[in-house]
Structure formats: C-alpha cells, structure tokens
Amino acid sequence: MGKKTARCYGFHDAKKRADRRRVPFAPDGKLRYWCDPCPKWRAQGKCSEGDMCYFSHTDVEQLYHPAKYKTAECEGKKCWGDVCAFSHKVHSWLVGLPPLSDESP
C-alpha cells in the first residue's frame, strides 16, 4: 500500500461523515471554500448550502485546507505521521492562494 497524502479527498468511515473532505479547488484553479468553519454546520451539524457552502464543514476540511495545511508546527502530541496536517520543519512556507471560485463544485 502506498503512502497516504493530503490529496486524499475520500472519507474512510462512511458512518463518520466528520472525515469527509471536499476538493478545495474548482477546475478554474480558484478555491471552492475557505478554511473558516461554517456557522450552520457547527451549530446544527448540517448546512443548507451543502457542497456549495463557502466555509469548511469538518475539522478535516479545516486542517487540510491549502490556507492552513503545514502552516503551523506539529507539537508531536497527536501526530499522524505521514498524514499529519502540521509542519515538521523549523520553517513553514506560506503560498499565496487563488481567489474564491464562483463555480459550483
């Protein structure tokens, strides 16, 4: 079995939708949603906007969002090894992100 990467958009426990992660980029290269948590999702566990929502719905979407991925240093307490969303280097490099897309996912 190959190495797991942050490019996996599947969720591995169908009963646990908390692992679900949408593809963050539209075909035009713009972001589909931002890393900020959706207020509706946090309050109700669902969002009427569904996949069209411009906010993250799960912790996994926030952790692996390109705006946050590897931008904070891993503290080692709950490190996930090869799939850890945190940096294991002294310096993290921030990359400019494209604007939010108006296209549907």
PDB file of N, CA and C in Angstrom:
ATOM      1  N   MET A   1       0.841  -1.177   0.000  1.00  0.00           N
ATOM      2  CA  MET A   1       0.000   0.000   0.000  1.00  0.00           C
ATOM      3  C   MET A   1       0.884   1.236   0.000  1.00  0.00           C
ATOM      4  N   GLY A   2       0.562   2.225  -0.839  1.00  0.00           N
ATOM      5  CA  GLY A   2       1.369   3.432  -0.965  1.00  0.00           C
ATOM      6  C   GLY A   2       1.187   4.369   0.212  1.00  0.00           C
ATOM      7  N   LYS A   3       2.017   5.389   0.223  1.00  0.00           N
ATOM      8  CA  LYS A   3       1.920   6.399   1.273  1.00  0.00           C
ATOM      9  C   LYS A   3       0.629   7.184   1.154  1.00  0.00           C
ATOM     10  N   LYS A   4       0.055   7.529   2.277  1.00  0.00           N
ATOM     11  CA  LYS A   4      -1.129   8.379   2.293  1.00  0.00           C
ATOM     12  C   LYS A   4      -0.667   9.822   2.133  1.00  0.00           C
ATOM     13  N   THR A   5      -1.463  10.624   1.474  1.00  0.00           N
ATOM     14  CA  THR A   5      -1.103  12.027   1.307  1.00  0.00           C
ATOM     15  C   THR A   5      -2.298  12.910   1.628  1.00  0.00           C
ATOM     16  N   ALA A   6      -2.047  14.203   1.702  1.00  0.00           N
ATOM     17  CA  ALA A   6      -3.110  15.171   1.964  1.00  0.00           C
ATOM     18  C   ALA A   6      -4.011  15.326   0.744  1.00  0.00           C
ATOM     19  N   ARG A   7      -3.702  14.674  -0.359  1.00  0.00           N
ATOM     20  CA  ARG A   7      -4.518  14.769  -1.568  1.00  0.00           C
ATOM     21  C   ARG A   7      -5.686  13.783  -1.558  1.00  0.00           C
ATOM     22  N   CYS A   8      -5.831  13.002  -0.544  1.00  0.00           N
ATOM     23  CA  CYS A   8      -6.949  12.064  -0.462  1.00  0.00           C
ATOM     24  C   CYS A   8      -8.198  12.842  -0.061  1.00  0.00           C
ATOM     25  N   TYR A   9      -9.218  12.835  -0.938  1.00  0.00           N
ATOM     26  CA  TYR A   9     -10.437  13.568  -0.649  1.00  0.00           C
ATOM     27  C   TYR A   9     -11.567  12.651  -0.214  1.00  0.00           C
ATOM     28  N   GLY A  10     -11.294  11.370  -0.098  1.00  0.00           N
ATOM     29  CA  GLY A  10     -12.316  10.441   0.356  1.00  0.00           C
ATOM     30  C   GLY A  10     -12.423  10.489   1.864  1.00  0.00           C
ATOM     31  N   PHE A  11     -13.498   9.950   2.371  1.00  0.00           N
ATOM     32  CA  PHE A  11     -13.550   9.785   3.816  1.00  0.00           C
ATOM     33  C   PHE A  11     -13.637   8.296   4.079  1.00  0.00           C
ATOM     34  N   HIS A  12     -12.969   7.850   5.106  1.00  0.00           N
ATOM     35  CA  HIS A  12     -12.681   6.440   5.272  1.00  0.00           C
ATOM     36  C   HIS A  12     -13.637   5.699   6.188  1.00  0.00           C
ATOM     37  N   ASP A  13     -14.591   6.386   6.725  1.00  0.00           N
ATOM     38  CA  ASP A  13     -15.591   5.754   7.560  1.00  0.00           C
ATOM     39  C   ASP A  13     -16.946   6.355   7.160  1.00  0.00           C
ATOM     40  N   ALA A  14     -17.696   5.612   6.334  1.00  0.00           N
ATOM     41  CA  ALA A  14     -18.956   6.132   5.792  1.00  0.00           C
ATOM     42  C   ALA A  14     -19.942   6.541   6.885  1.00  0.00           C
ATOM     43  N   LYS A  15     -19.838   5.910   8.045  1.00  0.00           N
ATOM     44  CA  LYS A  15     -20.746   6.250   9.139  1.00  0.00           C
ATOM     45  C   LYS A  15     -20.285   7.515   9.869  1.00  0.00           C
ATOM     46  N   LYS A  16     -19.035   7.846   9.704  1.00  0.00           N
ATOM     47  CA  LYS A  16     -18.470   9.006  10.390  1.00  0.00           C
ATOM     48  C   LYS A  16     -18.180  10.105   9.367  1.00  0.00           C
ATOM     49  N   ARG A  17     -19.179  10.883   9.025  1.00  0.00           N
ATOM     50  CA  ARG A  17     -19.047  11.916   8.000  1.00  0.00           C
ATOM     51  C   ARG A  17     -18.101  13.036   8.423  1.00  0.00           C
ATOM     52  N   ALA A  18     -17.640  12.997   9.660  1.00  0.00           N
ATOM     53  CA  ALA A  18     -16.696  14.013  10.126  1.00  0.00           C
ATOM     54  C   ALA A  18     -15.369  13.934   9.379  1.00  0.00           C
ATOM     55  N   ASP A  19     -15.093  12.820   8.709  1.00  0.00           N
ATOM     56  CA  ASP A  19     -13.856  12.660   7.949  1.00  0.00           C
ATOM     57  C   ASP A  19     -13.990  13.167   6.513  1.00  0.00           C
ATOM     58  N   ARG A  20     -15.196  13.521   6.087  1.00  0.00           N
ATOM     59  CA  ARG A  20     -15.420  13.925   4.704  1.00  0.00           C
ATOM     60  C   ARG A  20     -14.669  15.218   4.383  1.00  0.00           C
ATOM     61  N   ARG A  21     -14.084  15.250   3.193  1.00  0.00           N
ATOM     62  CA  ARG A  21     -13.358  16.432   2.753  1.00  0.00           C
ATOM     63  C   ARG A  21     -13.659  16.701   1.286  1.00  0.00           C
ATOM     64  N   ARG A  22     -14.150  17.890   0.980  1.00  0.00           N
ATOM     65  CA  ARG A  22     -14.404  18.282  -0.400  1.00  0.00           C
ATOM     66  C   ARG A  22     -13.092  18.677  -1.067  1.00  0.00           C
ATOM     67  N   VAL A  23     -13.040  18.567  -2.378  1.00  0.00           N
ATOM     68  CA  VAL A  23     -11.890  19.040  -3.131  1.00  0.00           C
ATOM     69  C   VAL A  23     -11.891  20.564  -3.027  1.00  0.00           C
ATOM     70  N   PRO A  24     -10.811  21.174  -2.523  1.00  0.00           N
ATOM     71  CA  PRO A  24     -10.836  22.620  -2.275  1.00  0.00           C
ATOM     72  C   PRO A  24     -10.752  23.505  -3.515  1.00  0.00           C
ATOM     73  N   PHE A  25     -10.274  22.963  -4.643  1.00  0.00           N
ATOM     74  CA  PHE A  25     -10.101  23.791  -5.836  1.00  0.00           C
ATOM     75  C   PHE A  25     -11.105  23.438  -6.928  1.00  0.00           C
ATOM     76  N   ALA A  26     -11.652  24.470  -7.575  1.00  0.00           N
ATOM     77  CA  ALA A  26     -12.520  24.308  -8.736  1.00  0.00           C
ATOM     78  C   ALA A  26     -11.629  24.066  -9.960  1.00  0.00           C
ATOM     79  N   PRO A  27     -12.203  23.591 -11.065  1.00  0.00           N
ATOM     80  CA  PRO A  27     -11.405  23.368 -12.279  1.00  0.00           C
ATOM     81  C   PRO A  27     -10.661  24.615 -12.769  1.00  0.00           C
ATOM     82  N   ASP A  28     -11.182  25.811 -12.445  1.00  0.00           N
ATOM     83  CA  ASP A  28     -10.506  27.045 -12.873  1.00  0.00           C
ATOM     84  C   ASP A  28      -9.342  27.417 -11.957  1.00  0.00           C
ATOM     85  N   GLY A  29      -9.082  26.596 -10.923  1.00  0.00           N
ATOM     86  CA  GLY A  29      -7.971  26.834 -10.015  1.00  0.00           C
ATOM     87  C   GLY A  29      -8.304  27.711  -8.827  1.00  0.00           C
ATOM     88  N   LYS A  30      -9.540  28.212  -8.764  1.00  0.00           N
ATOM     89  CA  LYS A  30      -9.957  29.048  -7.639  1.00  0.00           C
ATOM     90  C   LYS A  30     -10.475  28.171  -6.503  1.00  0.00           C
ATOM     91  N   LEU A  31     -10.431  28.735  -5.306  1.00  0.00           N
ATOM     92  CA  LEU A  31     -10.914  27.994  -4.140  1.00  0.00           C
ATOM     93  C   LEU A  31     -12.427  27.858  -4.158  1.00  0.00           C
ATOM     94  N   ARG A  32     -12.918  26.690  -3.756  1.00  0.00           N
ATOM     95  CA  ARG A  32     -14.367  26.451  -3.659  1.00  0.00           C
ATOM     96  C   ARG A  32     -14.904  26.859  -2.296  1.00  0.00           C
ATOM     97  N   TYR A  33     -14.084  26.726  -1.274  1.00  0.00           N
ATOM     98  CA  TYR A  33     -14.495  27.086   0.086  1.00  0.00           C
ATOM     99  C   TYR A  33     -13.274  27.532   0.870  1.00  0.00           C
ATOM    100  N   TRP A  34     -13.532  28.289   1.920  1.00  0.00           N
ATOM    101  CA  TRP A  34     -12.461  28.816   2.747  1.00  0.00           C
ATOM    102  C   TRP A  34     -12.255  27.927   3.975  1.00  0.00           C
ATOM    103  N   CYS A  35     -11.208  28.177   4.722  1.00  0.00           N
ATOM    104  CA  CYS A  35     -10.876  27.325   5.871  1.00  0.00           C
ATOM    105  C   CYS A  35     -11.659  27.683   7.137  1.00  0.00           C
ATOM    106  N   ASP A  36     -12.364  28.793   7.131  1.00  0.00           N
ATOM    107  CA  ASP A  36     -13.160  29.157   8.307  1.00  0.00           C
ATOM    108  C   ASP A  36     -14.328  28.197   8.472  1.00  0.00           C
ATOM    109  N   PRO A  37     -14.662  27.834   9.711  1.00  0.00           N
ATOM    110  CA  PRO A  37     -15.773  26.899   9.932  1.00  0.00           C
ATOM    111  C   PRO A  37     -17.130  27.507   9.598  1.00  0.00           C
ATOM    112  N   CYS A  38     -18.002  26.681   9.055  1.00  0.00           N
ATOM    113  CA  CYS A  38     -19.368  27.087   8.720  1.00  0.00           C
ATOM    114  C   CYS A  38     -20.173  27.220  10.018  1.00  0.00           C
ATOM    115  N   PRO A  39     -20.770  28.378  10.268  1.00  0.00           N
ATOM    116  CA  PRO A  39     -21.558  28.569  11.491  1.00  0.00           C
ATOM    117  C   PRO A  39     -22.753  27.612  11.577  1.00  0.00           C
ATOM    118  N   LYS A  40     -23.414  27.359  10.440  1.00  0.00           N
ATOM    119  CA  LYS A  40     -24.566  26.447  10.438  1.00  0.00           C
ATOM    120  C   LYS A  40     -24.118  25.022  10.772  1.00  0.00           C
ATOM    121  N   TRP A  41     -23.017  24.596  10.177  1.00  0.00           N
ATOM    122  CA  TRP A  41     -22.514  23.236  10.401  1.00  0.00           C
ATOM    123  C   TRP A  41     -22.135  23.048  11.867  1.00  0.00           C
ATOM    124  N   ARG A  42     -21.483  24.045  12.445  1.00  0.00           N
ATOM    125  CA  ARG A  42     -21.070  23.972  13.849  1.00  0.00           C
ATOM    126  C   ARG A  42     -22.286  23.920  14.779  1.00  0.00           C
ATOM    127  N   ALA A  43     -23.297  24.719  14.485  1.00  0.00           N
ATOM    128  CA  ALA A  43     -24.470  24.814  15.360  1.00  0.00           C
ATOM    129  C   ALA A  43     -25.433  23.645  15.188  1.00  0.00           C
ATOM    130  N   GLN A  44     -25.625  23.183  13.942  1.00  0.00           N
ATOM    131  CA  GLN A  44     -26.670  22.197  13.668  1.00  0.00           C
ATOM    132  C   GLN A  44     -26.159  20.852  13.147  1.00  0.00           C
ATOM    133  N   GLY A  45     -24.874  20.787  12.782  1.00  0.00           N
ATOM    134  CA  GLY A  45     -24.340  19.552  12.214  1.00  0.00           C
ATOM    135  C   GLY A  45     -24.754  19.346  10.772  1.00  0.00           C
ATOM    136  N   LYS A  46     -25.333  20.379  10.162  1.00  0.00           N
ATOM    137  CA  LYS A  46     -25.701  20.334   8.749  1.00  0.00           C
ATOM    138  C   LYS A  46     -25.771  21.763   8.236  1.00  0.00           C
ATOM    139  N   CYS A  47     -25.739  21.882   6.912  1.00  0.00           N
ATOM    140  CA  CYS A  47     -25.765  23.198   6.293  1.00  0.00           C
ATOM    141  C   CYS A  47     -26.646  23.125   5.055  1.00  0.00           C
ATOM    142  N   SER A  48     -27.570  24.057   4.932  1.00  0.00           N
ATOM    143  CA  SER A  48     -28.487  24.063   3.792  1.00  0.00           C
ATOM    144  C   SER A  48     -27.759  24.344   2.471  1.00  0.00           C
ATOM    145  N   GLU A  49     -26.574  24.902   2.514  1.00  0.00           N
ATOM    146  CA  GLU A  49     -25.795  25.180   1.307  1.00  0.00           C
ATOM    147  C   GLU A  49     -25.097  23.921   0.779  1.00  0.00           C
ATOM    148  N   GLY A  50     -24.950  22.913   1.628  1.00  0.00           N
ATOM    149  CA  GLY A  50     -24.284  21.670   1.219  1.00  0.00           C
ATOM    150  C   GLY A  50     -22.889  21.926   0.676  1.00  0.00           C
ATOM    151  N   ASP A  51     -22.546  21.262  -0.428  1.00  0.00           N
ATOM    152  CA  ASP A  51     -21.221  21.410  -1.022  1.00  0.00           C
ATOM    153  C   ASP A  51     -21.011  22.774  -1.670  1.00  0.00           C
ATOM    154  N   MET A  52     -22.048  23.561  -1.790  1.00  0.00           N
ATOM    155  CA  MET A  52     -21.936  24.911  -2.362  1.00  0.00           C
ATOM    156  C   MET A  52     -21.512  25.939  -1.308  1.00  0.00           C
ATOM    157  N   CYS A  53     -21.449  25.546  -0.056  1.00  0.00           N
ATOM    158  CA  CYS A  53     -21.092  26.450   1.035  1.00  0.00           C
ATOM    159  C   CYS A  53     -19.639  26.906   0.889  1.00  0.00           C
ATOM    160  N   TYR A  54     -19.406  28.183   1.183  1.00  0.00           N
ATOM    161  CA  TYR A  54     -18.065  28.758   1.068  1.00  0.00           C
ATOM    162  C   TYR A  54     -17.230  28.586   2.331  1.00  0.00           C
ATOM    163  N   PHE A  55     -17.725  27.805   3.301  1.00  0.00           N
ATOM    164  CA  PHE A  55     -16.995  27.565   4.541  1.00  0.00           C
ATOM    165  C   PHE A  55     -16.697  26.079   4.713  1.00  0.00           C
ATOM    166  N   SER A  56     -15.729  25.772   5.571  1.00  0.00           N
ATOM    167  CA  SER A  56     -15.379  24.379   5.863  1.00  0.00           C
ATOM    168  C   SER A  56     -16.450  23.755   6.749  1.00  0.00           C
ATOM    169  N   HIS A  57     -16.786  22.503   6.460  1.00  0.00           N
ATOM    170  CA  HIS A  57     -17.801  21.812   7.238  1.00  0.00           C
ATOM    171  C   HIS A  57     -17.216  20.861   8.271  1.00  0.00           C
ATOM    172  N   THR A  58     -16.040  20.386   8.081  1.00  0.00           N
ATOM    173  CA  THR A  58     -15.472  19.415   9.014  1.00  0.00           C
ATOM    174  C   THR A  58     -14.099  19.877   9.493  1.00  0.00           C
ATOM    175  N   ASP A  59     -13.651  19.290  10.586  1.00  0.00           N
ATOM    176  CA  ASP A  59     -12.305  19.582  11.080  1.00  0.00           C
ATOM    177  C   ASP A  59     -11.262  19.186  10.039  1.00  0.00           C
ATOM    178  N   VAL A  60     -11.516  18.099   9.321  1.00  0.00           N
ATOM    179  CA  VAL A  60     -10.588  17.631   8.297  1.00  0.00           C
ATOM    180  C   VAL A  60     -10.482  18.659   7.168  1.00  0.00           C
ATOM    181  N   GLU A  61     -11.604  19.248   6.758  1.00  0.00           N
ATOM    182  CA  GLU A  61     -11.558  20.293   5.730  1.00  0.00           C
ATOM    183  C   GLU A  61     -10.749  21.492   6.198  1.00  0.00           C
ATOM    184  N   GLN A  62     -10.828  21.808   7.474  1.00  0.00           N
ATOM    185  CA  GLN A  62     -10.057  22.931   8.007  1.00  0.00           C
ATOM    186  C   GLN A  62      -8.573  22.594   8.085  1.00  0.00           C
ATOM    187  N   LEU A  63      -8.259  21.435   8.649  1.00  0.00           N
ATOM    188  CA  LEU A  63      -6.857  21.038   8.830  1.00  0.00           C
ATOM    189  C   LEU A  63      -6.094  20.918   7.515  1.00  0.00           C
ATOM    190  N   TYR A  64      -6.744  20.345   6.505  1.00  0.00           N
ATOM    191  CA  TYR A  64      -6.064  20.084   5.235  1.00  0.00           C
ATOM    192  C   TYR A  64      -6.358  21.127   4.164  1.00  0.00           C
ATOM    193  N   HIS A  65      -7.014  22.210   4.539  1.00  0.00           N
ATOM    194  CA  HIS A  65      -7.274  23.287   3.591  1.00  0.00           C
ATOM    195  C   HIS A  65      -5.923  23.910   3.198  1.00  0.00           C
ATOM    196  N   PRO A  66      -5.748  24.245   1.921  1.00  0.00           N
ATOM    197  CA  PRO A  66      -4.466  24.802   1.482  1.00  0.00           C
ATOM    198  C   PRO A  66      -4.025  26.062   2.237  1.00  0.00           C
ATOM    199  N   ALA A  67      -4.948  26.810   2.821  1.00  0.00           N
ATOM    200  CA  ALA A  67      -4.582  28.009   3.581  1.00  0.00           C
ATOM    201  C   ALA A  67      -3.982  27.666   4.941  1.00  0.00           C
ATOM    202  N   LYS A  68      -4.214  26.444   5.424  1.00  0.00           N
ATOM    203  CA  LYS A  68      -3.720  26.061   6.749  1.00  0.00           C
ATOM    204  C   LYS A  68      -2.730  24.899   6.731  1.00  0.00           C
ATOM    205  N   TYR A  69      -2.815  24.061   5.730  1.00  0.00           N
ATOM    206  CA  TYR A  69      -2.005  22.839   5.673  1.00  0.00           C
ATOM    207  C   TYR A  69      -0.512  23.145   5.800  1.00  0.00           C
ATOM    208  N   LYS A  70       0.122  22.541   6.794  1.00  0.00           N
ATOM    209  CA  LYS A  70       1.563  22.660   7.055  1.00  0.00           C
ATOM    210  C   LYS A  70       2.009  24.082   7.384  1.00  0.00           C
ATOM    211  N   THR A  71       1.097  24.946   7.858  1.00  0.00           N
ATOM    212  CA  THR A  71       1.477  26.320   8.199  1.00  0.00           C
ATOM    213  C   THR A  71       1.745  26.498   9.692  1.00  0.00           C
ATOM    214  N   ALA A  72       1.435  25.503  10.493  1.00  0.00           N
ATOM    215  CA  ALA A  72       1.740  25.532  11.923  1.00  0.00           C
ATOM    216  C   ALA A  72       2.609  24.320  12.239  1.00  0.00           C
ATOM    217  N   GLU A  73       3.464  24.475  13.215  1.00  0.00           N
ATOM    218  CA  GLU A  73       4.382  23.399  13.552  1.00  0.00           C
ATOM    219  C   GLU A  73       3.692  22.314  14.379  1.00  0.00           C
ATOM    220  N   CYS A  74       4.007  21.058  14.079  1.00  0.00           N
ATOM    221  CA  CYS A  74       3.457  19.924  14.820  1.00  0.00           C
ATOM    222  C   CYS A  74       4.029  19.920  16.233  1.00  0.00           C
ATOM    223  N   GLU A  75       3.165  19.738  17.203  1.00  0.00           N
ATOM    224  CA  GLU A  75       3.589  19.681  18.597  1.00  0.00           C
ATOM    225  C   GLU A  75       3.941  18.259  19.018  1.00  0.00           C
ATOM    226  N   GLY A  76       3.652  17.287  18.158  1.00  0.00           N
ATOM    227  CA  GLY A  76       4.022  15.906  18.423  1.00  0.00           C
ATOM    228  C   GLY A  76       3.083  15.141  19.335  1.00  0.00           C
ATOM    229  N   LYS A  77       2.120  15.809  19.961  1.00  0.00           N
ATOM    230  CA  LYS A  77       1.225  15.138  20.906  1.00  0.00           C
ATOM    231  C   LYS A  77       0.304  14.136  20.209  1.00  0.00           C
ATOM    232  N   LYS A  78      -0.307  14.548  19.125  1.00  0.00           N
ATOM    233  CA  LYS A  78      -1.218  13.681  18.374  1.00  0.00           C
ATOM    234  C   LYS A  78      -0.811  13.665  16.899  1.00  0.00           C
ATOM    235  N   CYS A  79       0.465  13.479  16.654  1.00  0.00           N
ATOM    236  CA  CYS A  79       0.996  13.498  15.291  1.00  0.00           C
ATOM    237  C   CYS A  79       0.470  12.289  14.521  1.00  0.00           C
ATOM    238  N   TRP A  80       0.045  12.537  13.279  1.00  0.00           N
ATOM    239  CA  TRP A  80      -0.495  11.477  12.426  1.00  0.00           C
ATOM    240  C   TRP A  80       0.529  10.970  11.427  1.00  0.00           C
ATOM    241  N   GLY A  81       1.806  11.216  11.699  1.00  0.00           N
ATOM    242  CA  GLY A  81       2.866  10.709  10.831  1.00  0.00           C
ATOM    243  C   GLY A  81       2.785  11.249   9.415  1.00  0.00           C
ATOM    244  N   ASP A  82       2.749  10.360   8.428  1.00  0.00           N
ATOM    245  CA  ASP A  82       2.743  10.751   7.012  1.00  0.00           C
ATOM    246  C   ASP A  82       1.560  11.627   6.628  1.00  0.00           C
ATOM    247  N   VAL A  83       0.463  11.542   7.342  1.00  0.00           N
ATOM    248  CA  VAL A  83      -0.716  12.335   7.002  1.00  0.00           C
ATOM    249  C   VAL A  83      -0.953  13.495   7.973  1.00  0.00           C
ATOM    250  N   CYS A  84       0.046  13.818   8.777  1.00  0.00           N
ATOM    251  CA  CYS A  84      -0.069  14.931   9.721  1.00  0.00           C
ATOM    252  C   CYS A  84      -0.243  16.234   8.954  1.00  0.00           C
ATOM    253  N   ALA A  85      -1.203  17.047   9.379  1.00  0.00           N
ATOM    254  CA  ALA A  85      -1.503  18.311   8.703  1.00  0.00           C
ATOM    255  C   ALA A  85      -0.570  19.442   9.134  1.00  0.00           C
ATOM    256  N   PHE A  86       0.336  19.157  10.049  1.00  0.00           N
ATOM    257  CA  PHE A  86       1.224  20.181  10.581  1.00  0.00           C
ATOM    258  C   PHE A  86       2.647  20.002  10.079  1.00  0.00           C
ATOM    259  N   SER A  87       3.398  21.086  10.095  1.00  0.00           N
ATOM    260  CA  SER A  87       4.769  21.088   9.600  1.00  0.00           C
ATOM    261  C   SER A  87       5.701  20.386  10.585  1.00  0.00           C
ATOM    262  N   HIS A  88       6.664  19.660  10.037  1.00  0.00           N
ATOM    263  CA  HIS A  88       7.691  19.014  10.853  1.00  0.00           C
ATOM    264  C   HIS A  88       9.056  19.633  10.591  1.00  0.00           C
ATOM    265  N   LYS A  89       9.045  20.809   9.989  1.00  0.00           N
ATOM    266  CA  LYS A  89      10.277  21.542   9.716  1.00  0.00           C
ATOM    267  C   LYS A  89      10.275  22.802  10.556  1.00  0.00           C
ATOM    268  N   VAL A  90      11.448  23.380  10.720  1.00  0.00           N
ATOM    269  CA  VAL A  90      11.575  24.584  11.537  1.00  0.00           C
ATOM    270  C   VAL A  90      10.774  25.739  10.937  1.00  0.00           C
ATOM    271  N   HIS A  91      10.782  25.873   9.611  1.00  0.00           N
ATOM    272  CA  HIS A  91      10.078  26.966   8.957  1.00  0.00           C
ATOM    273  C   HIS A  91       8.951  26.424   8.083  1.00  0.00           C
ATOM    274  N   SER A  92       7.836  27.090   8.102  1.00  0.00           N
ATOM    275  CA  SER A  92       6.725  26.764   7.209  1.00  0.00           C
ATOM    276  C   SER A  92       6.679  27.824   6.120  1.00  0.00           C
ATOM    277  N   TRP A  93       6.413  27.390   4.924  1.00  0.00           N
ATOM    278  CA  TRP A  93       6.320  28.319   3.799  1.00  0.00           C
ATOM    279  C   TRP A  93       4.860  28.548   3.467  1.00  0.00           C
ATOM    280  N   LEU A  94       4.461  29.783   3.433  1.00  0.00           N
ATOM    281  CA  LEU A  94       3.097  30.133   3.061  1.00  0.00           C
ATOM    282  C   LEU A  94       3.072  30.469   1.578  1.00  0.00           C
ATOM    283  N   VAL A  95       2.111  29.923   0.873  1.00  0.00           N
ATOM    284  CA  VAL A  95       1.975  30.149  -0.555  1.00  0.00           C
ATOM    285  C   VAL A  95       0.707  30.959  -0.790  1.00  0.00           C
ATOM    286  N   GLY A  96       0.765  31.942  -1.671  1.00  0.00           N
ATOM    287  CA  GLY A  96      -0.424  32.733  -1.993  1.00  0.00           C
ATOM    288  C   GLY A  96      -1.507  31.851  -2.565  1.00  0.00           C
ATOM    289  N   LEU A  97      -2.721  32.080  -2.154  1.00  0.00           N
ATOM    290  CA  LEU A  97      -3.841  31.268  -2.620  1.00  0.00           C
ATOM    291  C   LEU A  97      -4.649  32.027  -3.646  1.00  0.00           C
ATOM    292  N   PRO A  98      -5.274  31.305  -4.566  1.00  0.00           N
ATOM    293  CA  PRO A  98      -6.126  31.957  -5.561  1.00  0.00           C
ATOM    294  C   PRO A  98      -7.419  32.450  -4.912  1.00  0.00           C
ATOM    295  N   PRO A  99      -8.157  33.325  -5.597  1.00  0.00           N
ATOM    296  CA  PRO A  99      -9.428  33.823  -5.040  1.00  0.00           C
ATOM    297  C   PRO A  99     -10.486  32.734  -4.985  1.00  0.00           C
ATOM    298  N   LEU A 100     -11.523  32.958  -4.214  1.00  0.00           N
ATOM    299  CA  LEU A 100     -12.628  32.028  -4.074  1.00  0.00           C
ATOM    300  C   LEU A 100     -13.398  31.927  -5.383  1.00  0.00           C
ATOM    301  N   SER A 101     -13.774  30.726  -5.764  1.00  0.00           N
ATOM    302  CA  SER A 101     -14.456  30.482  -7.030  1.00  0.00           C
ATOM    303  C   SER A 101     -15.943  30.763  -6.922  1.00  0.00           C
ATOM    304  N   ASP A 102     -16.531  31.189  -8.035  1.00  0.00           N
ATOM    305  CA  ASP A 102     -17.979  31.359  -8.120  1.00  0.00           C
ATOM    306  C   ASP A 102     -18.641  30.120  -8.719  1.00  0.00           C
ATOM    307  N   GLU A 103     -17.824  29.162  -9.176  1.00  0.00           N
ATOM    308  CA  GLU A 103     -18.352  27.961  -9.808  1.00  0.00           C
ATOM    309  C   GLU A 103     -18.787  26.938  -8.771  1.00  0.00           C
ATOM    310  N   SER A 104     -19.742  26.134  -9.131  1.00  0.00           N
ATOM    311  CA  SER A 104     -20.205  25.077  -8.235  1.00  0.00           C
ATOM    312  C   SER A 104     -19.199  23.948  -8.243  1.00  0.00           C
ATOM    313  N   PRO A 105     -19.105  23.177  -7.141  1.00  0.00           N
ATOM    314  CA  PRO A 105     -18.169  22.055  -7.069  1.00  0.00           C
ATOM    315  C   PRO A 105     -18.515  20.952  -8.047  1.00  0.00           C
TER     316      PRO A 105
END
